[in-house]
Amino acid sequence: MKVKFTLEHWLDDGWYVGRLKEVPGVFSQGETLEELKNDIKEAYQLMMEEEESFTPEMTVSEVELEVEM
């Protein structure tokens, strides 16, 4: 199955650094944009493998937050 994500990236001290916008916590870096894309894919896959192995009982509830704009 293919899933599309938004890769936000920037240059930092000559390195391409990026994150997946839709998946908080998935960051990576590479010397080239292509390397960053490969590394971010690997970081996502590792996160998913870890998440699959950790399956606690969960409770889901709604929460209302007041946010100042």
C-alpha atoms as a PDB file:
ATOM      1  CA  MET A   1       0.000   0.000   0.000  1.00  0.00           C
ATOM      2  CA  LYS A   2       1.305   3.449  -0.871  1.00  0.00           C
ATOM      3  CA  VAL A   3       0.662   6.414   1.400  1.00  0.00           C
ATOM      4  CA  LYS A   4       1.682   9.972   0.561  1.00  0.00           C
ATOM      5  CA  PHE A   5       3.078  12.373   3.135  1.00  0.00           C
ATOM      6  CA  THR A   6       4.310  15.951   2.992  1.00  0.00           C
ATOM      7  CA  LEU A   7       8.071  16.251   3.431  1.00  0.00           C
ATOM      8  CA  GLU A   8       8.993  19.666   4.809  1.00  0.00           C
ATOM      9  CA  HIS A   9      12.719  20.273   4.445  1.00  0.00           C
ATOM     10  CA  TRP A  10      15.337  22.980   4.793  1.00  0.00           C
ATOM     11  CA  LEU A  11      19.103  23.433   4.620  1.00  0.00           C
ATOM     12  CA  ASP A  12      20.976  23.570   7.910  1.00  0.00           C
ATOM     13  CA  ASP A  13      24.752  23.959   7.795  1.00  0.00           C
ATOM     14  CA  GLY A  14      24.887  22.268   4.385  1.00  0.00           C
ATOM     15  CA  TRP A  15      22.615  19.353   5.397  1.00  0.00           C
ATOM     16  CA  TYR A  16      19.087  18.726   4.170  1.00  0.00           C
ATOM     17  CA  VAL A  17      16.922  18.356   7.267  1.00  0.00           C
ATOM     18  CA  GLY A  18      13.289  17.381   7.084  1.00  0.00           C
ATOM     19  CA  ARG A  19      10.188  16.078   8.773  1.00  0.00           C
ATOM     20  CA  LEU A  20       6.944  14.432   7.765  1.00  0.00           C
ATOM     21  CA  LYS A  21       4.257  17.031   8.346  1.00  0.00           C
ATOM     22  CA  GLU A  22       1.503  14.482   8.985  1.00  0.00           C
ATOM     23  CA  VAL A  23       3.572  12.294  11.357  1.00  0.00           C
ATOM     24  CA  PRO A  24       4.915  14.208  14.367  1.00  0.00           C
ATOM     25  CA  GLY A  25       8.292  12.984  15.529  1.00  0.00           C
ATOM     26  CA  VAL A  26       9.597  11.667  12.191  1.00  0.00           C
ATOM     27  CA  PHE A  27      12.689  13.753  11.399  1.00  0.00           C
ATOM     28  CA  SER A  28      15.867  12.964   9.495  1.00  0.00           C
ATOM     29  CA  GLN A  29      18.734  14.520   7.572  1.00  0.00           C
ATOM     30  CA  GLY A  30      20.930  13.823   4.575  1.00  0.00           C
ATOM     31  CA  GLU A  31      23.774  15.308   2.587  1.00  0.00           C
ATOM     32  CA  THR A  32      21.500  15.431  -0.486  1.00  0.00           C
ATOM     33  CA  LEU A  33      17.753  15.757  -0.917  1.00  0.00           C
ATOM     34  CA  GLU A  34      17.635  12.193  -2.277  1.00  0.00           C
ATOM     35  CA  GLU A  35      19.488  10.909   0.806  1.00  0.00           C
ATOM     36  CA  LEU A  36      17.055  12.805   3.044  1.00  0.00           C
ATOM     37  CA  LYS A  37      14.099  11.182   1.260  1.00  0.00           C
ATOM     38  CA  ASN A  38      15.589   7.708   1.758  1.00  0.00           C
ATOM     39  CA  ASP A  39      16.464   8.405   5.399  1.00  0.00           C
ATOM     40  CA  ILE A  40      13.021   9.850   6.224  1.00  0.00           C
ATOM     41  CA  LYS A  41      11.402   6.764   4.697  1.00  0.00           C
ATOM     42  CA  GLU A  42      13.593   4.552   6.890  1.00  0.00           C
ATOM     43  CA  ALA A  43      12.808   6.655   9.984  1.00  0.00           C
ATOM     44  CA  TYR A  44       9.074   6.286   9.277  1.00  0.00           C
ATOM     45  CA  GLN A  45       9.371   2.512   8.805  1.00  0.00           C
ATOM     46  CA  LEU A  46      11.323   2.137  12.064  1.00  0.00           C
ATOM     47  CA  MET A  47       8.733   4.177  13.935  1.00  0.00           C
ATOM     48  CA  MET A  48       5.910   2.031  12.538  1.00  0.00           C
ATOM     49  CA  GLU A  49       7.711  -1.202  13.497  1.00  0.00           C
ATOM     50  CA  GLU A  50       8.211   0.086  17.034  1.00  0.00           C
ATOM     51  CA  GLU A  51       4.590   1.190  17.277  1.00  0.00           C
ATOM     52  CA  GLU A  52       3.349  -2.246  16.128  1.00  0.00           C
ATOM     53  CA  SER A  53       5.354  -3.964  18.866  1.00  0.00           C
ATOM     54  CA  PHE A  54       3.912  -1.655  21.555  1.00  0.00           C
ATOM     55  CA  THR A  55       0.157  -2.146  21.793  1.00  0.00           C
ATOM     56  CA  PRO A  56      -1.174  -1.157  25.226  1.00  0.00           C
ATOM     57  CA  GLU A  57      -4.862  -1.063  26.063  1.00  0.00           C
ATOM     58  CA  MET A  58      -6.089   2.352  25.026  1.00  0.00           C
ATOM     59  CA  THR A  59      -9.030   4.473  25.962  1.00  0.00           C
ATOM     60  CA  VAL A  60     -10.268   7.092  23.518  1.00  0.00           C
ATOM     61  CA  SER A  61     -12.092  10.216  24.618  1.00  0.00           C
ATOM     62  CA  GLU A  62     -12.848  13.644  23.225  1.00  0.00           C
ATOM     63  CA  VAL A  63     -11.365  16.768  24.727  1.00  0.00           C
ATOM     64  CA  GLU A  64     -12.342  20.391  24.175  1.00  0.00           C
ATOM     65  CA  LEU A  65      -9.553  22.958  24.124  1.00  0.00           C
ATOM     66  CA  GLU A  66      -9.776  26.736  24.076  1.00  0.00           C
ATOM     67  CA  VAL A  67      -7.051  28.169  21.869  1.00  0.00           C
ATOM     68  CA  GLU A  68      -6.189  31.841  21.512  1.00  0.00           C
ATOM     69  CA  MET A  69      -5.699  32.938  17.916  1.00  0.00           C
END
